[in-house]
Amino acid sequence: MSRTGAVHAGAGRRPLTISAESFREGVVWLAVASSFFVMFEPAAYDLIMIVAIVLFVGTGLKLPRTLLPFLLLVALYQLGAILTLTLVFDRADTQKWTTVGVFLAGTGCFYSLFLAERTEIRAKLIANAWVIAGVASGLLAIAGYFHLVPFSESLLRYNRAKGAFKDPNVFAPHLIFPALVLMQRLYSSNARRSLALLAPLGVIMAGVLLSFSRGSWGHLIASAALMTVLTVLAAPTPSARARILLTCLAATLGAALMIAVIIHLPSVSSLFAERASLEQNYDTEHGGRFSNHVMGFRLALDKPFGIGIFQFAKRFGADVHNTYLNAFMSYGWLGGVVLPVMTILTLVSGFRYVLAATPWRPIFICTFSTWVVLMVEAAVIDIDHWRHQWALLGMTWGFIAATAAYERRKTPLRIPSGEAFRRAA
């Protein structure tokens, strides 16, 4: 081709450009995709989320009225933490804890505002990024547990897989949402696509199993069951419901087979037998988790401002291991009341809107199913500083706001007849 011809050929091509909206959303995608690596603080997720929040706040975020109760409750909850901080303000670690808590609550508010607009596109963006993070996390857990990499010890804690998290009990719950997303895609996929989904789903489920977190095992089972029930209820035809149930049965049998193979490995079987017990000494003995809960709630009745951050462990010799009790201990009566109110309001609003026929309903179902069971698990573990807990809560409210707006747009405007109009006048 002559030089002139090359110039004319090139002149017809448009330069590759990225819109401002795509760039903003790409930053959020990167934050979620990096959420599997949180060994250090601040984590990459935290830094990227700060960039995302600044970008969106600086360039505009709409505030739907539906979100106002949620945002107000989050603000009151964090106000409780700030008031309680005054009891132990002289300690740097308590100041840091409160600052981190306010930031994480801010990310939850951001997710709600983020998903309230362009909901279908952004919901898929978050789900796909979280699946990538889940697969990466699961691969690290497998590599660490079976000593497939030189740094395997840094991926374990007490011989339990934790991936690039600090704690197996935080690592495993982070995998529940992407596991549900992949399961739900199985329900609506053809045979070829289903086979492609099995590998990432198997990696994520293996990660949950190798964490040896009893709460996370139950979390996965209960969330998957709730997601399946809601998906069946949302299915448009009896044949679609039958397909979902048959796929669920096949997936359950496949998962049971995979678990049976893994737990019969010599390096897994003994720890599995120990962790599979429903009762542990540190739960039921005097001074254990549950007796501390009873004494803690009694103490809360006399402490309107709580006892201060980190003070529960000093008094009782163990961490709280109950998010609702910790709300009274570290957030005072204000936080202790606000948390269950916010939880109940989210439950009621979520069930009100989750089955509405919207383009984002499948991901809404996965998000809500994960969050509901997580808040049950919160009764036996501290989750108020889990990044993904705030993400799920904010996402749920973003879906609630978007669905409420979607239903309002679908409702036809009733124009009164002439006679009725004259009477009204």
Protein backbone atom coordinates (compact mmCIF):
# COMPACT_ATOMS: atom_id res chain seq x y z
CA MET A 1 0.00 0.00 0.00
CA SER A 2 1.27 3.47 -0.87
CA ARG A 3 1.99 6.02 1.81
CA THR A 4 -1.01 8.07 0.65
CA GLY A 5 -3.27 5.01 0.87
CA ALA A 6 -2.03 4.26 4.37
CA VAL A 7 -2.80 7.80 5.46
CA HIS A 8 -6.35 7.59 4.08
CA ALA A 9 -6.88 4.15 5.66
CA GLY A 10 -5.74 5.45 9.04
CA ALA A 11 -7.87 8.55 8.76
CA GLY A 12 -11.04 6.45 8.90
CA ARG A 13 -10.16 4.90 12.26
CA ARG A 14 -11.38 6.43 15.48
CA PRO A 15 -8.83 6.78 18.27
CA LEU A 16 -9.37 4.44 21.21
CA THR A 17 -10.98 6.49 23.97
CA ILE A 18 -12.38 5.74 27.39
CA SER A 19 -15.35 7.74 28.60
CA ALA A 20 -15.25 9.42 31.98
CA GLU A 21 -18.05 7.13 33.17
CA SER A 22 -16.19 3.98 32.10
CA PHE A 23 -13.07 5.24 33.86
CA ARG A 24 -14.96 5.93 37.09
CA GLU A 25 -16.62 2.54 37.03
CA GLY A 26 -13.33 0.89 36.12
CA VAL A 27 -11.80 2.20 39.34
CA VAL A 28 -14.60 0.54 41.33
CA TRP A 29 -14.07 -2.69 39.38
CA LEU A 30 -10.37 -2.58 40.26
CA ALA A 31 -11.14 -2.02 43.94
CA VAL A 32 -13.49 -5.02 44.12
CA ALA A 33 -11.14 -7.23 42.08
CA SER A 34 -8.30 -6.42 44.50
CA SER A 35 -10.37 -7.22 47.59
CA PHE A 36 -8.80 -10.69 47.89
CA PHE A 37 -5.47 -9.22 49.09
CA VAL A 38 -5.81 -7.59 52.49
CA MET A 39 -2.78 -8.86 54.40
CA PHE A 40 -1.58 -5.32 55.02
CA GLU A 41 -3.31 -2.10 56.02
CA PRO A 42 -4.18 0.00 54.30
CA ALA A 43 -4.94 -2.66 51.69
CA ALA A 44 -4.96 -1.91 47.98
CA TYR A 45 -8.75 -2.12 48.18
CA ASP A 46 -8.83 0.72 50.71
CA LEU A 47 -6.61 3.01 48.67
CA ILE A 48 -8.48 2.36 45.42
CA MET A 49 -11.83 2.87 47.15
CA ILE A 50 -10.65 6.27 48.37
CA VAL A 51 -9.82 7.18 44.77
CA ALA A 52 -13.22 5.91 43.61
CA ILE A 53 -15.13 7.84 46.27
CA VAL A 54 -13.24 11.05 45.51
CA LEU A 55 -13.87 10.57 41.78
CA PHE A 56 -17.60 10.02 42.16
CA VAL A 57 -18.15 12.69 44.79
CA GLY A 58 -16.15 15.17 42.73
CA THR A 59 -18.00 14.43 39.50
CA GLY A 60 -21.47 13.85 40.87
CA LEU A 61 -23.57 11.25 42.70
CA LYS A 62 -27.35 11.31 42.90
CA LEU A 63 -28.99 10.86 46.29
CA PRO A 64 -32.31 8.99 46.03
CA ARG A 65 -34.75 9.70 48.86
CA THR A 66 -35.09 5.95 49.44
CA LEU A 67 -31.51 5.88 50.75
CA LEU A 68 -31.99 8.60 53.37
CA PRO A 69 -33.06 6.24 56.23
CA PHE A 70 -30.08 3.98 55.57
CA LEU A 71 -27.58 6.84 55.40
CA LEU A 72 -29.01 8.38 58.58
CA LEU A 73 -28.76 5.09 60.49
CA VAL A 74 -25.16 4.56 59.35
CA ALA A 75 -24.29 8.08 60.52
CA LEU A 76 -25.92 7.48 63.92
CA TYR A 77 -24.13 4.15 64.29
CA GLN A 78 -20.74 5.75 63.70
CA LEU A 79 -21.66 8.65 65.98
CA GLY A 80 -22.08 6.07 68.73
CA ALA A 81 -18.54 4.83 68.09
CA ILE A 82 -17.17 8.38 68.22
CA LEU A 83 -18.94 9.11 71.52
CA THR A 84 -17.65 5.87 73.05
CA LEU A 85 -14.15 6.69 71.83
CA THR A 86 -14.02 9.49 74.40
CA LEU A 87 -13.73 6.83 77.13
CA VAL A 88 -10.43 5.53 75.71
CA PHE A 89 -9.28 8.43 73.54
CA ASP A 90 -5.75 8.36 74.97
CA ARG A 91 -4.96 5.11 73.14
CA ALA A 92 -3.78 5.37 69.53
CA ASP A 93 -5.19 1.95 68.59
CA THR A 94 -8.72 3.00 69.58
CA GLN A 95 -8.47 6.16 67.48
CA LYS A 96 -7.32 4.08 64.52
CA TRP A 97 -10.12 1.55 65.06
CA THR A 98 -12.77 4.27 65.04
CA THR A 99 -11.29 5.97 61.97
CA VAL A 100 -11.22 2.69 60.06
CA GLY A 101 -14.81 1.99 61.10
CA VAL A 102 -16.00 5.37 59.81
CA PHE A 103 -14.16 4.76 56.52
CA LEU A 104 -15.67 1.29 56.04
CA ALA A 105 -19.13 2.64 56.81
CA GLY A 106 -18.44 5.30 54.20
CA THR A 107 -17.70 2.61 51.63
CA GLY A 108 -21.06 1.03 52.42
CA CYS A 109 -22.78 4.36 51.79
CA PHE A 110 -20.81 4.71 48.56
CA TYR A 111 -21.91 1.29 47.28
CA SER A 112 -25.55 2.22 47.89
CA LEU A 113 -25.21 5.46 45.91
CA PHE A 114 -23.13 3.76 43.21
CA LEU A 115 -25.72 1.05 42.54
CA ALA A 116 -28.69 3.40 42.66
CA GLU A 117 -27.74 4.58 39.13
CA ARG A 118 -26.88 2.52 36.02
CA THR A 119 -27.81 -0.40 38.24
CA GLU A 120 -27.75 -3.27 35.77
CA ILE A 121 -24.33 -2.36 34.35
CA ARG A 122 -22.77 -1.64 37.71
CA ALA A 123 -24.24 -4.74 39.37
CA LYS A 124 -22.64 -6.94 36.72
CA LEU A 125 -19.39 -5.01 37.08
CA ILE A 126 -19.22 -5.67 40.82
CA ALA A 127 -20.30 -9.31 40.48
CA ASN A 128 -17.70 -10.08 37.80
CA ALA A 129 -14.92 -8.34 39.73
CA TRP A 130 -15.87 -10.18 42.94
CA VAL A 131 -15.83 -13.53 41.11
CA ILE A 132 -12.29 -12.77 39.93
CA ALA A 133 -11.29 -11.88 43.49
CA GLY A 134 -12.96 -15.05 44.79
CA VAL A 135 -11.16 -17.32 42.33
CA ALA A 136 -7.81 -15.65 43.09
CA SER A 137 -8.47 -16.04 46.81
CA GLY A 138 -9.46 -19.68 46.43
CA LEU A 139 -6.36 -20.48 44.37
CA LEU A 140 -4.12 -18.91 47.01
CA ALA A 141 -5.88 -20.92 49.71
CA ILE A 142 -5.41 -24.20 47.84
CA ALA A 143 -1.79 -23.40 47.02
CA GLY A 144 -1.08 -22.52 50.63
CA TYR A 145 -2.86 -25.46 52.24
CA PHE A 146 -1.19 -28.08 50.05
CA HIS A 147 2.19 -26.28 50.14
CA LEU A 148 2.35 -25.73 46.40
CA VAL A 149 4.23 -22.42 46.71
CA PRO A 150 7.32 -21.37 48.70
CA PHE A 151 5.36 -18.81 50.74
CA SER A 152 2.60 -21.25 51.70
CA GLU A 153 2.97 -20.61 55.45
CA SER A 154 1.95 -16.98 54.95
CA LEU A 155 -1.33 -18.24 53.44
CA LEU A 156 -2.22 -20.33 56.51
CA ARG A 157 -3.16 -19.68 60.12
CA TYR A 158 -3.31 -22.54 62.60
CA ASN A 159 -3.11 -24.89 59.58
CA ARG A 160 -6.30 -23.32 58.19
CA ALA A 161 -6.35 -21.68 54.77
CA LYS A 162 -6.73 -17.91 54.85
CA GLY A 163 -5.42 -16.90 51.43
CA ALA A 164 -4.22 -13.30 51.40
CA PHE A 165 -6.43 -12.40 54.38
CA LYS A 166 -5.34 -12.14 58.00
CA ASP A 167 -7.93 -14.57 59.35
CA PRO A 168 -9.65 -17.70 57.94
CA ASN A 169 -12.92 -16.53 59.50
CA VAL A 170 -12.87 -13.39 57.33
CA PHE A 171 -11.38 -15.03 54.25
CA ALA A 172 -14.12 -17.66 53.85
CA PRO A 173 -17.19 -15.39 54.17
CA HIS A 174 -15.68 -13.16 51.48
CA LEU A 175 -16.11 -16.12 49.09
CA ILE A 176 -19.83 -16.65 49.66
CA PHE A 177 -21.14 -13.94 47.33
CA PRO A 178 -19.07 -14.99 44.28
CA ALA A 179 -19.98 -18.62 44.96
CA LEU A 180 -23.67 -17.70 44.84
CA VAL A 181 -23.20 -15.68 41.65
CA LEU A 182 -21.64 -18.70 39.93
CA MET A 183 -24.27 -21.10 41.30
CA GLN A 184 -27.06 -18.90 40.02
CA ARG A 185 -25.45 -18.69 36.59
CA LEU A 186 -25.41 -22.48 36.54
CA TYR A 187 -29.19 -22.45 36.95
CA SER A 188 -29.67 -20.55 33.69
CA SER A 189 -26.76 -21.84 31.57
CA ASN A 190 -26.57 -24.41 28.81
CA ALA A 191 -24.39 -27.50 29.17
CA ARG A 192 -21.27 -25.97 27.62
CA ARG A 193 -21.37 -22.84 29.74
CA SER A 194 -22.16 -24.87 32.85
CA LEU A 195 -18.95 -26.84 32.41
CA ALA A 196 -17.01 -23.58 32.17
CA LEU A 197 -18.54 -22.40 35.45
CA LEU A 198 -17.68 -25.55 37.40
CA ALA A 199 -13.94 -24.85 37.62
CA PRO A 200 -14.14 -21.39 39.26
CA LEU A 201 -17.00 -22.53 41.49
CA GLY A 202 -15.01 -25.57 42.59
CA VAL A 203 -11.99 -23.40 43.42
CA ILE A 204 -14.09 -21.05 45.55
CA MET A 205 -15.88 -23.88 47.38
CA ALA A 206 -12.56 -25.61 48.07
CA GLY A 207 -11.34 -22.36 49.61
CA VAL A 208 -14.35 -22.22 51.93
CA LEU A 209 -13.85 -25.85 52.93
CA LEU A 210 -10.12 -25.49 53.61
CA SER A 211 -10.72 -22.47 55.83
CA PHE A 212 -12.22 -24.91 58.36
CA SER A 213 -14.57 -22.13 59.42
CA ARG A 214 -17.73 -23.75 60.75
CA GLY A 215 -19.64 -20.51 60.50
CA SER A 216 -18.64 -20.11 56.86
CA TRP A 217 -19.67 -23.67 56.01
CA GLY A 218 -23.10 -22.95 57.43
CA HIS A 219 -23.11 -19.53 55.79
CA LEU A 220 -22.50 -21.04 52.35
CA ILE A 221 -25.18 -23.71 52.77
CA ALA A 222 -27.82 -21.35 54.17
CA SER A 223 -27.13 -18.55 51.68
CA ALA A 224 -27.17 -20.98 48.76
CA ALA A 225 -30.49 -22.39 49.99
CA LEU A 226 -32.04 -18.91 50.34
CA MET A 227 -30.71 -17.85 46.95
CA THR A 228 -32.15 -20.98 45.34
CA VAL A 229 -35.58 -20.48 46.94
CA LEU A 230 -35.72 -16.84 45.83
CA THR A 231 -34.52 -17.74 42.33
CA VAL A 232 -37.22 -20.43 42.06
CA LEU A 233 -39.87 -17.97 43.21
CA ALA A 234 -38.66 -15.47 40.61
CA ALA A 235 -38.66 -18.01 37.77
CA PRO A 236 -41.29 -17.13 35.13
CA THR A 237 -42.53 -20.64 34.28
CA PRO A 238 -42.91 -24.08 35.91
CA SER A 239 -40.36 -25.52 33.48
CA ALA A 240 -37.82 -22.87 34.53
CA ARG A 241 -38.44 -23.74 38.18
CA ALA A 242 -37.97 -27.44 37.46
CA ARG A 243 -34.70 -26.72 35.64
CA ILE A 244 -33.39 -24.71 38.59
CA LEU A 245 -34.26 -27.46 41.07
CA LEU A 246 -32.69 -30.19 38.92
CA THR A 247 -29.53 -28.14 38.43
CA CYS A 248 -29.42 -27.45 42.16
CA LEU A 249 -29.70 -31.17 42.90
CA ALA A 250 -26.92 -32.00 40.45
CA ALA A 251 -24.70 -29.23 41.84
CA THR A 252 -25.32 -30.43 45.40
CA LEU A 253 -24.33 -33.98 44.50
CA GLY A 254 -21.22 -32.72 42.73
CA ALA A 255 -20.25 -30.56 45.70
CA ALA A 256 -20.78 -33.47 48.08
CA LEU A 257 -18.52 -35.65 45.94
CA MET A 258 -15.81 -32.97 45.86
CA ILE A 259 -16.00 -32.52 49.63
CA ALA A 260 -15.84 -36.28 50.20
CA VAL A 261 -12.68 -36.51 48.11
CA ILE A 262 -11.01 -33.56 49.87
CA ILE A 263 -11.80 -34.59 53.45
CA HIS A 264 -10.39 -38.06 52.89
CA LEU A 265 -6.98 -36.60 52.11
CA PRO A 266 -4.65 -37.31 55.07
CA SER A 267 -3.74 -33.63 55.45
CA VAL A 268 -7.42 -32.67 55.74
CA SER A 269 -9.31 -35.44 57.53
CA SER A 270 -8.09 -34.93 61.12
CA LEU A 271 -8.62 -31.16 61.18
CA PHE A 272 -12.00 -31.58 59.48
CA ALA A 273 -13.14 -34.03 62.17
CA GLU A 274 -12.09 -31.59 64.89
CA ARG A 275 -13.67 -28.50 63.31
CA ALA A 276 -16.88 -30.28 62.24
CA SER A 277 -17.96 -30.63 65.87
CA LEU A 278 -20.85 -28.26 66.63
CA GLU A 279 -19.53 -27.55 70.12
CA GLN A 280 -16.05 -26.40 71.05
CA ASN A 281 -14.76 -25.94 74.60
CA TYR A 282 -14.13 -22.24 74.03
CA ASP A 283 -17.83 -21.85 73.16
CA THR A 284 -19.64 -23.65 75.99
CA GLU A 285 -17.33 -23.73 79.03
CA HIS A 286 -17.65 -21.16 81.84
CA GLY A 287 -15.93 -18.02 80.65
CA GLY A 288 -16.38 -19.17 77.07
CA ARG A 289 -17.96 -17.31 74.20
CA PHE A 290 -21.62 -17.81 75.10
CA SER A 291 -21.35 -17.20 78.84
CA ASN A 292 -19.43 -14.01 78.07
CA HIS A 293 -22.29 -12.92 75.82
CA VAL A 294 -24.78 -13.24 78.69
CA MET A 295 -22.56 -11.29 81.10
CA GLY A 296 -21.83 -8.69 78.42
CA PHE A 297 -25.49 -7.94 77.75
CA ARG A 298 -26.11 -7.60 81.50
CA LEU A 299 -23.22 -5.15 81.73
CA ALA A 300 -24.58 -3.16 78.78
CA LEU A 301 -27.71 -2.27 80.77
CA ASP A 302 -25.59 -0.08 83.07
CA LYS A 303 -23.32 1.47 80.42
CA PRO A 304 -25.11 3.98 78.16
CA PHE A 305 -21.83 4.92 76.48
CA GLY A 306 -20.49 1.37 76.41
CA ILE A 307 -17.22 0.39 78.05
CA GLY A 308 -14.86 1.53 75.32
CA ILE A 309 -13.21 -0.07 72.33
CA PHE A 310 -11.12 -3.20 73.11
CA GLN A 311 -12.23 -3.13 76.76
CA PHE A 312 -14.41 -6.24 76.56
CA ALA A 313 -11.37 -8.50 76.10
CA LYS A 314 -9.69 -6.91 79.12
CA ARG A 315 -12.71 -7.59 81.32
CA PHE A 316 -13.63 -11.06 80.10
CA GLY A 317 -10.34 -12.42 78.73
CA ALA A 318 -11.67 -12.94 75.19
CA ASP A 319 -12.97 -10.90 72.28
CA VAL A 320 -16.69 -10.20 72.03
CA HIS A 321 -17.49 -12.56 69.12
CA ASN A 322 -20.95 -11.03 68.80
CA THR A 323 -21.50 -7.99 66.61
CA TYR A 324 -24.76 -7.02 68.31
CA LEU A 325 -23.18 -7.15 71.77
CA ASN A 326 -20.11 -5.31 70.50
CA ALA A 327 -22.43 -2.55 69.29
CA PHE A 328 -23.40 -1.92 72.93
CA MET A 329 -19.82 -2.31 74.21
CA SER A 330 -18.04 -0.16 71.59
CA TYR A 331 -20.86 2.08 70.26
CA GLY A 332 -22.93 2.56 73.43
CA TRP A 333 -26.70 2.38 73.65
CA LEU A 334 -26.96 4.49 70.50
CA GLY A 335 -25.06 1.95 68.39
CA GLY A 336 -26.59 -0.99 70.23
CA VAL A 337 -30.09 0.16 69.26
CA VAL A 338 -29.27 1.45 65.77
CA LEU A 339 -27.65 -1.79 64.55
CA PRO A 340 -30.70 -4.07 65.03
CA VAL A 341 -33.00 -1.31 63.73
CA MET A 342 -30.87 -0.99 60.59
CA THR A 343 -30.75 -4.77 60.22
CA ILE A 344 -34.53 -5.18 60.55
CA LEU A 345 -35.21 -2.28 58.18
CA THR A 346 -32.86 -3.80 55.61
CA LEU A 347 -34.52 -7.21 55.98
CA VAL A 348 -38.02 -5.81 55.53
CA SER A 349 -37.07 -3.55 52.61
CA GLY A 350 -34.97 -6.27 50.99
CA PHE A 351 -37.76 -8.85 51.05
CA ARG A 352 -40.15 -6.16 49.82
CA TYR A 353 -38.14 -5.53 46.63
CA VAL A 354 -35.90 -8.54 45.97
CA LEU A 355 -38.44 -10.44 43.84
CA ALA A 356 -39.48 -7.44 41.74
CA ALA A 357 -38.97 -8.12 38.03
CA THR A 358 -35.92 -5.97 37.31
CA PRO A 359 -32.89 -6.53 35.05
CA TRP A 360 -30.65 -6.74 38.13
CA ARG A 361 -32.84 -9.13 40.13
CA PRO A 362 -30.44 -12.13 39.88
CA ILE A 363 -27.53 -10.22 41.44
CA PHE A 364 -29.87 -8.58 43.96
CA ILE A 365 -30.93 -12.07 45.06
CA CYS A 366 -27.30 -13.20 45.47
CA THR A 367 -26.39 -10.05 47.41
CA PHE A 368 -29.38 -10.20 49.72
CA SER A 369 -29.04 -13.95 50.33
CA THR A 370 -25.41 -13.50 51.33
CA TRP A 371 -26.10 -10.52 53.59
CA VAL A 372 -29.09 -12.07 55.41
CA VAL A 373 -27.14 -15.11 56.59
CA LEU A 374 -24.08 -12.99 57.37
CA MET A 375 -26.18 -10.99 59.83
CA VAL A 376 -27.23 -14.24 61.50
CA GLU A 377 -23.57 -15.27 61.72
CA ALA A 378 -22.89 -11.85 63.27
CA ALA A 379 -24.36 -13.21 66.52
CA VAL A 380 -21.27 -15.41 66.99
CA ILE A 381 -18.51 -13.32 65.40
CA ASP A 382 -17.44 -9.69 65.06
CA ILE A 383 -18.12 -8.41 61.54
CA ASP A 384 -18.40 -4.64 61.98
CA HIS A 385 -14.91 -4.12 60.48
CA TRP A 386 -15.27 -6.57 57.59
CA ARG A 387 -14.92 -4.77 54.28
CA HIS A 388 -17.29 -7.06 52.42
CA GLN A 389 -19.97 -6.77 55.11
CA TRP A 390 -20.27 -3.06 54.42
CA ALA A 391 -20.11 -3.72 50.67
CA LEU A 392 -23.01 -6.19 50.86
CA LEU A 393 -25.08 -3.89 53.07
CA GLY A 394 -24.51 -0.92 50.77
CA MET A 395 -25.20 -2.99 47.66
CA THR A 396 -28.47 -4.23 49.16
CA TRP A 397 -29.62 -0.67 49.75
CA GLY A 398 -28.48 0.39 46.29
CA PHE A 399 -30.67 -2.35 44.83
CA ILE A 400 -33.57 -1.33 47.09
CA ALA A 401 -33.35 2.28 45.91
CA ALA A 402 -32.98 1.31 42.24
CA THR A 403 -35.88 -1.16 42.41
CA ALA A 404 -38.15 1.34 44.13
CA ALA A 405 -37.40 3.87 41.37
CA TYR A 406 -37.90 1.20 38.70
CA GLU A 407 -41.34 0.32 40.06
CA ARG A 408 -42.34 3.99 40.18
CA ARG A 409 -41.37 4.40 36.52
CA LYS A 410 -43.42 1.35 35.54
CA THR A 411 -46.54 2.53 37.39
CA PRO A 412 -48.71 4.48 34.93
CA LEU A 413 -49.66 7.99 35.91
CA ARG A 414 -53.38 8.15 36.66
CA ILE A 415 -54.94 11.21 35.04
CA PRO A 416 -58.38 11.95 36.52
CA SER A 417 -61.35 12.15 34.19
CA GLY A 418 -62.93 15.52 33.51
CA GLU A 419 -65.77 14.96 35.96
CA ALA A 420 -63.48 13.66 38.70
CA PHE A 421 -61.09 16.52 38.06
CA ARG A 422 -63.87 19.09 38.39
CA ARG A 423 -65.02 17.51 41.65
CA ALA A 424 -61.50 17.56 43.00
CA ALA A 425 -61.22 21.23 42.08
